[in-house]
Amino acid sequence: MPFVPVINTVSVEFRTTWDNQHCENRIFVDLLTTPSQANCQALANAMLTWWTGNVVALTPANLALREVFVRDQSQLNGFAATAAPTGALPGTHAAASLPNNVTICASIRTLFTGRSARGRWYWQGLCEDQVLDNNVNSGVITSIDAALTNLASVIAGLGHFWVIVSYQSLGVPRPGGPVKFVVNDIVFVDTVVDSMRRRLPGRGT
């Protein structure tokens, strides 16, 4: 797909290594202003701080954040910024990791209906003591929900918005370009574990 610009918007990639497999979560942020090197770097730094304070304690030692990569989506050759810990930043939860494909999916909601106005966050790094049979423990769900809710708050504190970007509707590019929907809620529709097979070692990127 050719590059399609999204005005005032950047992508944020949380790049990790999990049992030697490269994984990531990606979101979009509306800066409400033209991306610059300075505001991209400030966002990257804030996202690294958020991960350190909200994700590390919930994830196992074999999942480590390598870097947060922010890229301007408003132009093809736009700004980029990286925030990386000294070395890697592993999780500190003491229990052993479940297989890489085991996850729980958070539904990222906006004020609007339809698939185009919603997103998903597939959590990385569930541990053996966080799941019973096929269900993630309710306390863990609460902690993940709080972490993702805080992510939106950190972004808002910088004067930006976490957004869902819709490039197409019914398989057709949107007239006038992509549409952005502001995230306003995090929802778990159930506690049953989900699967992301591309995260298994030797698959994906």
N, C-alpha and C. Protein backbone atom coordinates (compact mmCIF):
# COMPACT_ATOMS: atom_id res chain seq x y z
N MET A 1 0.85 -1.19 0.00
CA MET A 1 0.00 0.00 0.00
C MET A 1 0.88 1.24 0.00
N PRO A 2 0.66 2.20 -0.90
CA PRO A 2 1.47 3.42 -0.92
C PRO A 2 1.24 4.24 0.34
N PHE A 3 2.23 5.07 0.68
CA PHE A 3 2.12 5.90 1.87
C PHE A 3 0.95 6.87 1.74
N VAL A 4 0.14 6.94 2.81
CA VAL A 4 -1.00 7.85 2.87
C VAL A 4 -0.79 8.76 4.08
N PRO A 5 -0.65 10.05 3.89
CA PRO A 5 -0.37 10.93 5.03
C PRO A 5 -1.56 11.09 5.96
N VAL A 6 -1.25 11.26 7.25
CA VAL A 6 -2.25 11.53 8.28
C VAL A 6 -1.80 12.79 9.00
N ILE A 7 -2.51 13.85 8.81
CA ILE A 7 -2.10 15.17 9.27
C ILE A 7 -1.92 15.21 10.79
N ASN A 8 -0.82 15.81 11.23
CA ASN A 8 -0.52 16.05 12.66
C ASN A 8 -0.36 14.77 13.48
N THR A 9 -0.13 13.65 12.83
CA THR A 9 -0.19 12.36 13.51
C THR A 9 1.14 11.61 13.41
N VAL A 10 1.45 10.86 14.47
CA VAL A 10 2.64 10.00 14.48
C VAL A 10 2.23 8.59 14.90
N SER A 11 3.04 7.62 14.51
CA SER A 11 2.88 6.27 15.03
C SER A 11 3.88 6.05 16.15
N VAL A 12 3.52 5.21 17.11
CA VAL A 12 4.39 4.87 18.24
C VAL A 12 4.50 3.36 18.30
N GLU A 13 5.70 2.84 18.16
CA GLU A 13 5.94 1.41 18.21
C GLU A 13 6.70 1.05 19.48
N PHE A 14 6.11 0.14 20.26
CA PHE A 14 6.77 -0.39 21.45
C PHE A 14 7.44 -1.70 21.02
N ARG A 15 8.74 -1.65 20.77
CA ARG A 15 9.46 -2.78 20.19
C ARG A 15 10.13 -3.60 21.29
N THR A 16 9.81 -4.88 21.32
CA THR A 16 10.32 -5.76 22.35
C THR A 16 11.02 -6.99 21.76
N THR A 17 11.75 -7.68 22.62
CA THR A 17 12.25 -9.02 22.32
C THR A 17 11.64 -9.95 23.36
N TRP A 18 10.98 -10.99 22.88
CA TRP A 18 10.31 -11.94 23.78
C TRP A 18 10.76 -13.34 23.40
N ASP A 19 11.55 -13.93 24.26
CA ASP A 19 12.11 -15.25 23.98
C ASP A 19 12.76 -15.27 22.59
N ASN A 20 13.59 -14.25 22.33
CA ASN A 20 14.36 -14.10 21.08
C ASN A 20 13.51 -13.76 19.85
N GLN A 21 12.23 -13.51 20.04
CA GLN A 21 11.36 -13.10 18.93
C GLN A 21 11.09 -11.60 19.02
N HIS A 22 11.19 -10.91 17.89
CA HIS A 22 10.87 -9.49 17.85
C HIS A 22 9.35 -9.31 17.80
N CYS A 23 8.82 -8.54 18.74
CA CYS A 23 7.38 -8.28 18.82
C CYS A 23 7.17 -6.77 18.99
N GLU A 24 5.95 -6.33 18.82
CA GLU A 24 5.66 -4.93 19.05
C GLU A 24 4.17 -4.69 19.22
N ASN A 25 3.85 -3.55 19.83
CA ASN A 25 2.52 -2.96 19.79
C ASN A 25 2.66 -1.59 19.16
N ARG A 26 1.70 -1.19 18.33
CA ARG A 26 1.76 0.10 17.67
C ARG A 26 0.45 0.86 17.87
N ILE A 27 0.58 2.14 18.16
CA ILE A 27 -0.57 3.01 18.29
C ILE A 27 -0.33 4.27 17.47
N PHE A 28 -1.39 5.08 17.32
CA PHE A 28 -1.28 6.37 16.65
C PHE A 28 -1.60 7.48 17.66
N VAL A 29 -0.89 8.58 17.52
CA VAL A 29 -1.09 9.74 18.40
C VAL A 29 -1.27 10.98 17.55
N ASP A 30 -2.36 11.71 17.81
CA ASP A 30 -2.60 13.00 17.16
C ASP A 30 -1.92 14.07 18.01
N LEU A 31 -0.88 14.69 17.47
CA LEU A 31 -0.16 15.71 18.21
C LEU A 31 -0.90 17.04 18.27
N LEU A 32 -1.92 17.19 17.42
CA LEU A 32 -2.68 18.43 17.31
C LEU A 32 -1.82 19.58 16.81
N THR A 33 -0.67 19.25 16.27
CA THR A 33 0.23 20.23 15.67
C THR A 33 1.16 19.48 14.73
N THR A 34 1.92 20.20 13.95
CA THR A 34 2.82 19.57 13.00
C THR A 34 3.93 18.81 13.73
N PRO A 35 4.16 17.55 13.40
CA PRO A 35 5.25 16.81 14.04
C PRO A 35 6.60 17.49 13.80
N SER A 36 7.40 17.50 14.85
CA SER A 36 8.76 18.04 14.78
C SER A 36 9.69 17.06 15.48
N GLN A 37 10.98 17.26 15.30
CA GLN A 37 11.92 16.39 16.00
C GLN A 37 11.73 16.48 17.51
N ALA A 38 11.46 17.69 17.98
CA ALA A 38 11.33 17.90 19.42
C ALA A 38 10.10 17.21 20.00
N ASN A 39 8.92 17.39 19.36
CA ASN A 39 7.74 16.76 19.96
C ASN A 39 7.71 15.25 19.75
N CYS A 40 8.33 14.77 18.69
CA CYS A 40 8.45 13.32 18.52
C CYS A 40 9.34 12.72 19.60
N GLN A 41 10.45 13.38 19.90
CA GLN A 41 11.36 12.87 20.93
C GLN A 41 10.74 12.94 22.31
N ALA A 42 10.02 14.03 22.59
CA ALA A 42 9.36 14.14 23.89
C ALA A 42 8.33 13.03 24.09
N LEU A 43 7.60 12.70 23.03
CA LEU A 43 6.62 11.63 23.11
C LEU A 43 7.31 10.28 23.32
N ALA A 44 8.37 10.03 22.57
CA ALA A 44 9.11 8.78 22.73
C ALA A 44 9.62 8.62 24.16
N ASN A 45 10.17 9.69 24.71
CA ASN A 45 10.68 9.64 26.09
C ASN A 45 9.57 9.35 27.08
N ALA A 46 8.41 9.98 26.88
CA ALA A 46 7.28 9.76 27.78
C ALA A 46 6.75 8.34 27.69
N MET A 47 6.77 7.77 26.49
CA MET A 47 6.30 6.40 26.31
C MET A 47 7.25 5.39 26.95
N LEU A 48 8.52 5.66 26.92
CA LEU A 48 9.49 4.81 27.61
C LEU A 48 9.25 4.86 29.12
N THR A 49 9.01 6.05 29.63
CA THR A 49 8.72 6.20 31.06
C THR A 49 7.43 5.48 31.43
N TRP A 50 6.41 5.58 30.55
CA TRP A 50 5.15 4.87 30.82
C TRP A 50 5.38 3.36 30.89
N TRP A 51 6.11 2.81 29.93
CA TRP A 51 6.36 1.36 29.93
C TRP A 51 7.08 0.96 31.21
N THR A 52 8.08 1.72 31.60
CA THR A 52 8.86 1.40 32.79
C THR A 52 7.98 1.36 34.03
N GLY A 53 7.06 2.30 34.14
CA GLY A 53 6.24 2.40 35.33
C GLY A 53 4.98 1.57 35.34
N ASN A 54 4.55 1.06 34.17
CA ASN A 54 3.26 0.40 34.09
C ASN A 54 3.29 -1.03 33.55
N VAL A 55 4.30 -1.36 32.76
CA VAL A 55 4.32 -2.67 32.10
C VAL A 55 5.36 -3.61 32.70
N VAL A 56 6.51 -3.07 33.07
CA VAL A 56 7.62 -3.90 33.53
C VAL A 56 7.23 -4.84 34.65
N ALA A 57 6.52 -4.35 35.64
CA ALA A 57 6.18 -5.17 36.81
C ALA A 57 5.17 -6.27 36.50
N LEU A 58 4.48 -6.17 35.37
CA LEU A 58 3.46 -7.16 35.01
C LEU A 58 3.98 -8.25 34.08
N THR A 59 5.20 -8.10 33.58
CA THR A 59 5.70 -8.97 32.52
C THR A 59 6.95 -9.75 32.96
N PRO A 60 7.23 -10.87 32.29
CA PRO A 60 8.32 -11.76 32.70
C PRO A 60 9.69 -11.27 32.24
N ALA A 61 10.72 -11.90 32.79
CA ALA A 61 12.09 -11.49 32.52
C ALA A 61 12.52 -11.76 31.08
N ASN A 62 11.85 -12.68 30.38
CA ASN A 62 12.25 -12.97 29.00
C ASN A 62 11.56 -12.07 27.98
N LEU A 63 10.80 -11.08 28.47
CA LEU A 63 10.24 -10.03 27.62
C LEU A 63 10.95 -8.73 27.96
N ALA A 64 11.61 -8.15 26.98
CA ALA A 64 12.38 -6.93 27.23
C ALA A 64 12.06 -5.87 26.18
N LEU A 65 11.81 -4.66 26.64
CA LEU A 65 11.63 -3.54 25.72
C LEU A 65 12.99 -3.11 25.19
N ARG A 66 13.10 -3.08 23.85
CA ARG A 66 14.33 -2.62 23.22
C ARG A 66 14.30 -1.12 22.98
N GLU A 67 13.16 -0.61 22.49
CA GLU A 67 13.07 0.81 22.17
C GLU A 67 11.62 1.19 21.93
N VAL A 68 11.38 2.50 22.02
CA VAL A 68 10.13 3.09 21.56
C VAL A 68 10.47 3.94 20.34
N PHE A 69 9.80 3.67 19.23
CA PHE A 69 10.10 4.35 17.97
C PHE A 69 8.89 5.17 17.55
N VAL A 70 9.09 6.45 17.38
CA VAL A 70 8.03 7.37 16.97
C VAL A 70 8.33 7.85 15.56
N ARG A 71 7.32 7.80 14.68
CA ARG A 71 7.50 8.19 13.28
C ARG A 71 6.38 9.12 12.83
N ASP A 72 6.77 10.20 12.22
CA ASP A 72 5.84 11.16 11.64
C ASP A 72 5.04 10.49 10.52
N GLN A 73 3.71 10.54 10.62
CA GLN A 73 2.85 9.97 9.59
C GLN A 73 2.23 11.04 8.69
N SER A 74 2.66 12.29 8.86
CA SER A 74 2.06 13.35 8.07
C SER A 74 2.77 13.56 6.74
N GLN A 75 3.97 13.00 6.60
CA GLN A 75 4.70 13.11 5.35
C GLN A 75 5.61 11.90 5.19
N LEU A 76 5.93 11.59 3.93
CA LEU A 76 6.67 10.37 3.64
C LEU A 76 8.04 10.37 4.29
N ASN A 77 8.75 11.46 4.18
CA ASN A 77 10.08 11.55 4.77
C ASN A 77 10.06 12.49 5.97
N GLY A 78 9.23 12.13 6.94
CA GLY A 78 9.05 12.96 8.13
C GLY A 78 10.05 12.64 9.22
N PHE A 79 9.83 13.25 10.36
CA PHE A 79 10.73 13.08 11.50
C PHE A 79 10.53 11.70 12.14
N ALA A 80 11.56 11.28 12.85
CA ALA A 80 11.50 10.06 13.64
C ALA A 80 12.30 10.27 14.91
N ALA A 81 11.93 9.54 15.95
CA ALA A 81 12.64 9.65 17.22
C ALA A 81 12.61 8.30 17.92
N THR A 82 13.65 8.02 18.68
CA THR A 82 13.77 6.76 19.42
C THR A 82 14.13 7.04 20.87
N ALA A 83 13.47 6.32 21.77
CA ALA A 83 13.85 6.32 23.18
C ALA A 83 14.14 4.89 23.58
N ALA A 84 15.32 4.64 24.07
CA ALA A 84 15.73 3.28 24.39
C ALA A 84 16.33 3.23 25.79
N PRO A 85 16.05 2.18 26.53
CA PRO A 85 16.70 2.02 27.84
C PRO A 85 18.18 1.71 27.66
N THR A 86 18.92 1.81 28.73
CA THR A 86 20.32 1.39 28.70
C THR A 86 20.34 -0.14 28.66
N GLY A 87 20.76 -0.70 27.54
CA GLY A 87 20.60 -2.14 27.34
C GLY A 87 19.13 -2.39 27.05
N ALA A 88 18.64 -3.54 27.47
CA ALA A 88 17.21 -3.84 27.33
C ALA A 88 16.52 -3.57 28.65
N LEU A 89 15.19 -3.57 28.62
CA LEU A 89 14.40 -3.32 29.82
C LEU A 89 13.49 -4.52 30.04
N PRO A 90 13.96 -5.53 30.78
CA PRO A 90 13.16 -6.75 30.97
C PRO A 90 12.06 -6.56 32.00
N GLY A 91 11.08 -7.45 31.90
CA GLY A 91 10.04 -7.47 32.92
C GLY A 91 10.59 -7.97 34.24
N THR A 92 9.88 -7.67 35.32
CA THR A 92 10.34 -8.06 36.65
C THR A 92 9.38 -8.99 37.37
N HIS A 93 8.27 -9.40 36.70
CA HIS A 93 7.36 -10.34 37.34
C HIS A 93 8.06 -11.69 37.49
N ALA A 94 8.00 -12.26 38.68
CA ALA A 94 8.85 -13.40 39.01
C ALA A 94 8.43 -14.70 38.35
N ALA A 95 7.17 -14.85 37.98
CA ALA A 95 6.70 -16.13 37.43
C ALA A 95 7.19 -16.32 36.00
N ALA A 96 7.18 -17.58 35.56
CA ALA A 96 7.63 -17.90 34.21
C ALA A 96 6.62 -17.42 33.17
N SER A 97 7.15 -17.11 32.00
CA SER A 97 6.31 -16.65 30.89
C SER A 97 5.50 -17.79 30.30
N LEU A 98 4.29 -17.48 29.88
CA LEU A 98 3.53 -18.39 29.04
C LEU A 98 4.09 -18.31 27.62
N PRO A 99 3.72 -19.22 26.71
CA PRO A 99 4.21 -19.13 25.33
C PRO A 99 3.86 -17.79 24.70
N ASN A 100 4.69 -17.37 23.77
CA ASN A 100 4.56 -16.04 23.15
C ASN A 100 3.20 -15.77 22.53
N ASN A 101 2.54 -16.82 22.04
CA ASN A 101 1.25 -16.59 21.37
C ASN A 101 0.11 -16.33 22.32
N VAL A 102 0.30 -16.61 23.61
CA VAL A 102 -0.78 -16.46 24.59
C VAL A 102 -0.91 -14.99 24.99
N THR A 103 -2.10 -14.43 24.84
CA THR A 103 -2.30 -13.01 25.10
C THR A 103 -3.73 -12.78 25.58
N ILE A 104 -4.00 -11.54 25.93
CA ILE A 104 -5.36 -11.10 26.19
C ILE A 104 -5.56 -9.82 25.39
N CYS A 105 -6.72 -9.70 24.77
CA CYS A 105 -6.97 -8.58 23.87
C CYS A 105 -7.82 -7.51 24.55
N ALA A 106 -7.29 -6.31 24.59
CA ALA A 106 -8.05 -5.16 25.06
C ALA A 106 -8.70 -4.48 23.87
N SER A 107 -9.96 -4.16 23.98
CA SER A 107 -10.67 -3.42 22.95
C SER A 107 -10.50 -1.93 23.22
N ILE A 108 -9.94 -1.23 22.24
CA ILE A 108 -9.68 0.20 22.38
C ILE A 108 -10.87 0.94 21.77
N ARG A 109 -11.63 1.65 22.59
CA ARG A 109 -12.90 2.22 22.16
C ARG A 109 -12.82 3.74 21.98
N THR A 110 -13.71 4.23 21.12
CA THR A 110 -13.91 5.66 20.93
C THR A 110 -15.39 5.95 21.14
N LEU A 111 -15.81 7.16 20.88
CA LEU A 111 -17.23 7.50 21.05
C LEU A 111 -18.08 7.03 19.88
N PHE A 112 -17.47 6.39 18.90
CA PHE A 112 -18.19 6.05 17.67
C PHE A 112 -18.28 4.54 17.50
N THR A 113 -19.28 4.10 16.74
CA THR A 113 -19.49 2.69 16.49
C THR A 113 -18.79 2.27 15.20
N GLY A 114 -18.73 0.96 15.00
CA GLY A 114 -18.13 0.43 13.78
C GLY A 114 -16.69 0.01 13.98
N ARG A 115 -16.26 -0.97 13.19
CA ARG A 115 -14.91 -1.51 13.34
C ARG A 115 -13.84 -0.46 13.07
N SER A 116 -14.13 0.48 12.17
CA SER A 116 -13.14 1.50 11.83
C SER A 116 -12.83 2.42 13.00
N ALA A 117 -13.75 2.51 13.95
CA ALA A 117 -13.60 3.43 15.08
C ALA A 117 -13.11 2.73 16.33
N ARG A 118 -12.61 1.50 16.18
CA ARG A 118 -12.10 0.76 17.33
C ARG A 118 -10.73 0.16 17.01
N GLY A 119 -9.98 -0.10 18.05
CA GLY A 119 -8.69 -0.73 17.89
C GLY A 119 -8.54 -1.87 18.88
N ARG A 120 -7.37 -2.53 18.84
CA ARG A 120 -7.09 -3.63 19.75
C ARG A 120 -5.65 -3.57 20.22
N TRP A 121 -5.44 -3.94 21.45
CA TRP A 121 -4.10 -4.05 22.01
C TRP A 121 -3.95 -5.48 22.52
N TYR A 122 -3.07 -6.25 21.88
CA TYR A 122 -2.79 -7.61 22.31
C TYR A 122 -1.61 -7.56 23.28
N TRP A 123 -1.90 -7.80 24.54
CA TRP A 123 -0.90 -7.68 25.61
C TRP A 123 0.24 -8.67 25.41
N GLN A 124 1.44 -8.19 25.66
CA GLN A 124 2.62 -9.05 25.59
C GLN A 124 3.05 -9.46 27.00
N GLY A 125 3.40 -10.73 27.16
CA GLY A 125 4.07 -11.15 28.38
C GLY A 125 3.19 -11.67 29.50
N LEU A 126 2.15 -12.43 29.21
CA LEU A 126 1.40 -13.07 30.28
C LEU A 126 2.25 -14.15 30.94
N CYS A 127 2.07 -14.31 32.25
CA CYS A 127 2.85 -15.28 33.02
C CYS A 127 1.97 -16.41 33.54
N GLU A 128 2.62 -17.49 33.95
CA GLU A 128 1.90 -18.70 34.36
C GLU A 128 0.95 -18.44 35.52
N ASP A 129 1.35 -17.58 36.46
CA ASP A 129 0.50 -17.34 37.63
C ASP A 129 -0.58 -16.29 37.36
N GLN A 130 -0.63 -15.76 36.14
CA GLN A 130 -1.64 -14.77 35.80
C GLN A 130 -2.85 -15.37 35.07
N VAL A 131 -2.75 -16.66 34.76
CA VAL A 131 -3.80 -17.34 34.01
C VAL A 131 -4.18 -18.63 34.72
N LEU A 132 -5.47 -18.88 34.85
CA LEU A 132 -5.97 -20.14 35.40
C LEU A 132 -6.79 -20.83 34.33
N ASP A 133 -6.34 -22.01 33.93
CA ASP A 133 -6.96 -22.72 32.81
C ASP A 133 -6.96 -21.81 31.57
N ASN A 134 -8.10 -21.34 31.13
CA ASN A 134 -8.17 -20.52 29.92
C ASN A 134 -8.52 -19.06 30.20
N ASN A 135 -8.46 -18.67 31.46
CA ASN A 135 -8.89 -17.32 31.81
C ASN A 135 -7.80 -16.55 32.54
N VAL A 136 -7.64 -15.29 32.15
CA VAL A 136 -6.71 -14.40 32.83
C VAL A 136 -7.35 -13.96 34.15
N ASN A 137 -6.56 -13.98 35.21
CA ASN A 137 -7.08 -13.62 36.52
C ASN A 137 -7.65 -12.20 36.51
N SER A 138 -8.73 -12.00 37.23
CA SER A 138 -9.42 -10.71 37.22
C SER A 138 -8.52 -9.58 37.69
N GLY A 139 -7.67 -9.86 38.68
CA GLY A 139 -6.76 -8.83 39.16
C GLY A 139 -5.76 -8.39 38.11
N VAL A 140 -5.33 -9.33 37.28
CA VAL A 140 -4.41 -9.00 36.19
C VAL A 140 -5.11 -8.16 35.13
N ILE A 141 -6.36 -8.52 34.82
CA ILE A 141 -7.15 -7.71 33.88
C ILE A 141 -7.25 -6.28 34.39
N THR A 142 -7.52 -6.13 35.68
CA THR A 142 -7.62 -4.80 36.27
C THR A 142 -6.31 -4.03 36.13
N SER A 143 -5.18 -4.71 36.35
CA SER A 143 -3.87 -4.05 36.25
C SER A 143 -3.55 -3.64 34.82
N ILE A 144 -3.86 -4.51 33.86
CA ILE A 144 -3.62 -4.18 32.46
C ILE A 144 -4.51 -3.03 32.02
N ASP A 145 -5.77 -3.07 32.44
CA ASP A 145 -6.70 -1.98 32.12
C ASP A 145 -6.17 -0.66 32.67
N ALA A 146 -5.67 -0.69 33.90
CA ALA A 146 -5.14 0.53 34.51
C ALA A 146 -3.91 1.04 33.76
N ALA A 147 -3.06 0.11 33.32
CA ALA A 147 -1.86 0.50 32.58
C ALA A 147 -2.23 1.18 31.27
N LEU A 148 -3.17 0.61 30.52
CA LEU A 148 -3.55 1.18 29.24
C LEU A 148 -4.34 2.48 29.40
N THR A 149 -5.14 2.56 30.45
CA THR A 149 -5.85 3.81 30.73
C THR A 149 -4.85 4.90 31.06
N ASN A 150 -3.80 4.54 31.79
CA ASN A 150 -2.77 5.51 32.12
C ASN A 150 -1.99 5.94 30.88
N LEU A 151 -1.85 5.03 29.92
CA LEU A 151 -1.20 5.39 28.67
C LEU A 151 -1.94 6.55 28.00
N ALA A 152 -3.25 6.45 27.93
CA ALA A 152 -4.05 7.53 27.35
C ALA A 152 -3.87 8.82 28.14
N SER A 153 -3.79 8.70 29.47
CA SER A 153 -3.63 9.88 30.32
C SER A 153 -2.27 10.55 30.11
N VAL A 154 -1.23 9.74 29.98
CA VAL A 154 0.11 10.30 29.74
C VAL A 154 0.14 11.06 28.42
N ILE A 155 -0.47 10.46 27.40
CA ILE A 155 -0.52 11.12 26.08
C ILE A 155 -1.29 12.42 26.18
N ALA A 156 -2.44 12.40 26.86
CA ALA A 156 -3.24 13.61 27.02
C ALA A 156 -2.48 14.68 27.81
N GLY A 157 -1.67 14.24 28.78
CA GLY A 157 -0.90 15.18 29.58
C GLY A 157 0.13 15.94 28.77
N LEU A 158 0.52 15.40 27.62
CA LEU A 158 1.44 16.08 26.72
C LEU A 158 0.71 17.02 25.76
N GLY A 159 -0.63 17.03 25.85
CA GLY A 159 -1.41 17.85 24.95
C GLY A 159 -1.77 17.16 23.65
N HIS A 160 -1.72 15.82 23.65
CA HIS A 160 -2.00 15.04 22.45
C HIS A 160 -3.19 14.10 22.71
N PHE A 161 -3.57 13.34 21.69
CA PHE A 161 -4.63 12.35 21.83
C PHE A 161 -4.19 11.01 21.24
N TRP A 162 -4.46 9.92 21.95
CA TRP A 162 -4.35 8.58 21.39
C TRP A 162 -5.53 8.41 20.44
N VAL A 163 -5.27 8.02 19.21
CA VAL A 163 -6.33 7.93 18.21
C VAL A 163 -6.30 6.60 17.46
N ILE A 164 -7.46 6.23 16.93
CA ILE A 164 -7.59 5.16 15.96
C ILE A 164 -7.63 5.83 14.59
N VAL A 165 -6.80 5.37 13.67
CA VAL A 165 -6.76 5.94 12.32
C VAL A 165 -7.41 4.95 11.35
N SER A 166 -8.42 5.42 10.62
CA SER A 166 -9.10 4.60 9.63
C SER A 166 -8.72 5.09 8.24
N TYR A 167 -8.06 4.21 7.49
CA TYR A 167 -7.62 4.55 6.14
C TYR A 167 -8.67 4.19 5.08
N GLN A 168 -9.48 3.18 5.37
CA GLN A 168 -10.44 2.69 4.39
C GLN A 168 -11.80 2.44 5.04
N SER A 169 -12.82 2.44 4.23
CA SER A 169 -14.16 2.04 4.65
C SER A 169 -14.73 1.11 3.59
N LEU A 170 -15.12 -0.10 4.00
CA LEU A 170 -15.62 -1.12 3.08
C LEU A 170 -14.60 -1.41 1.97
N GLY A 171 -13.31 -1.37 2.34
CA GLY A 171 -12.25 -1.71 1.41
C GLY A 171 -11.87 -0.61 0.44
N VAL A 172 -12.46 0.57 0.62
CA VAL A 172 -12.20 1.69 -0.29
C VAL A 172 -11.55 2.82 0.49
N PRO A 173 -10.48 3.43 -0.07
CA PRO A 173 -9.85 4.56 0.63
C PRO A 173 -10.87 5.65 0.94
N ARG A 174 -10.77 6.22 2.14
CA ARG A 174 -11.73 7.23 2.56
C ARG A 174 -11.56 8.52 1.74
N PRO A 175 -12.65 9.06 1.23
CA PRO A 175 -12.56 10.32 0.49
C PRO A 175 -11.98 11.42 1.37
N GLY A 176 -11.01 12.14 0.87
CA GLY A 176 -10.41 13.22 1.65
C GLY A 176 -9.30 12.76 2.57
N GLY A 177 -9.04 11.45 2.61
CA GLY A 177 -7.94 10.95 3.43
C GLY A 177 -8.41 10.28 4.71
N PRO A 178 -7.46 9.77 5.50
CA PRO A 178 -7.78 9.03 6.72
C PRO A 178 -8.59 9.84 7.72
N VAL A 179 -9.39 9.11 8.50
CA VAL A 179 -10.21 9.71 9.56
C VAL A 179 -9.66 9.24 10.90
N LYS A 180 -9.62 10.17 11.86
CA LYS A 180 -9.10 9.86 13.19
C LYS A 180 -10.22 9.86 14.23
N PHE A 181 -10.18 8.87 15.14
CA PHE A 181 -11.15 8.76 16.22
C PHE A 181 -10.37 8.76 17.54
N VAL A 182 -10.76 9.62 18.47
CA VAL A 182 -10.04 9.74 19.74
C VAL A 182 -10.43 8.61 20.69
N VAL A 183 -9.43 7.95 21.26
CA VAL A 183 -9.66 6.86 22.21
C VAL A 183 -10.20 7.44 23.52
N ASN A 184 -11.27 6.81 24.03
CA ASN A 184 -11.83 7.30 25.29
C ASN A 184 -12.10 6.19 26.30
N ASP A 185 -11.82 4.92 25.93
CA ASP A 185 -12.09 3.84 26.89
C ASP A 185 -11.31 2.58 26.50
N ILE A 186 -11.01 1.78 27.52
CA ILE A 186 -10.37 0.47 27.34
C ILE A 186 -11.34 -0.57 27.89
N VAL A 187 -11.67 -1.59 27.09
CA VAL A 187 -12.66 -2.58 27.50
C VAL A 187 -12.13 -3.99 27.26
N PHE A 188 -12.35 -4.87 28.22
CA PHE A 188 -12.10 -6.30 28.04
C PHE A 188 -13.46 -6.99 27.98
N VAL A 189 -13.78 -7.56 26.83
CA VAL A 189 -15.11 -8.16 26.66
C VAL A 189 -15.24 -9.48 27.41
N ASP A 190 -14.10 -10.12 27.69
CA ASP A 190 -14.09 -11.32 28.51
C ASP A 190 -12.68 -11.52 29.04
N THR A 191 -12.48 -12.60 29.82
CA THR A 191 -11.16 -12.88 30.39
C THR A 191 -10.47 -14.06 29.71
N VAL A 192 -11.08 -14.61 28.66
CA VAL A 192 -10.52 -15.77 27.96
C VAL A 192 -9.28 -15.37 27.18
N VAL A 193 -8.22 -16.19 27.28
CA VAL A 193 -6.98 -15.87 26.59
C VAL A 193 -7.19 -15.89 25.07
N ASP A 194 -6.42 -15.05 24.39
CA ASP A 194 -6.42 -14.98 22.94
C ASP A 194 -5.08 -15.48 22.43
N SER A 195 -4.91 -15.49 21.10
CA SER A 195 -3.68 -16.02 20.53
C SER A 195 -3.16 -15.11 19.42
N MET A 196 -1.84 -14.92 19.41
CA MET A 196 -1.15 -14.20 18.35
C MET A 196 0.01 -15.08 17.90
N ARG A 197 -0.26 -15.98 16.95
CA ARG A 197 0.74 -16.96 16.55
C ARG A 197 1.97 -16.36 15.91
N ARG A 198 1.83 -15.16 15.32
CA ARG A 198 2.98 -14.54 14.68
C ARG A 198 4.06 -14.15 15.70
N ARG A 199 3.70 -14.15 16.98
CA ARG A 199 4.70 -13.84 18.03
C ARG A 199 5.51 -15.04 18.46
N LEU A 200 5.15 -16.23 18.01
CA LEU A 200 5.92 -17.41 18.37
C LEU A 200 7.34 -17.30 17.79
N PRO A 201 8.34 -17.82 18.51
CA PRO A 201 9.72 -17.77 17.99
C PRO A 201 9.82 -18.36 16.58
N GLY A 202 10.49 -17.65 15.70
CA GLY A 202 10.68 -18.11 14.34
C GLY A 202 9.59 -17.67 13.38
N ARG A 203 8.57 -16.95 13.88
CA ARG A 203 7.50 -16.45 13.01
C ARG A 203 7.47 -14.93 13.07
N GLY A 204 6.77 -14.35 12.14
CA GLY A 204 6.68 -12.90 12.13
C GLY A 204 8.01 -12.26 11.83
N THR A 205 8.23 -11.07 12.44
CA THR A 205 9.46 -10.33 12.17
C THR A 205 10.36 -10.34 13.38
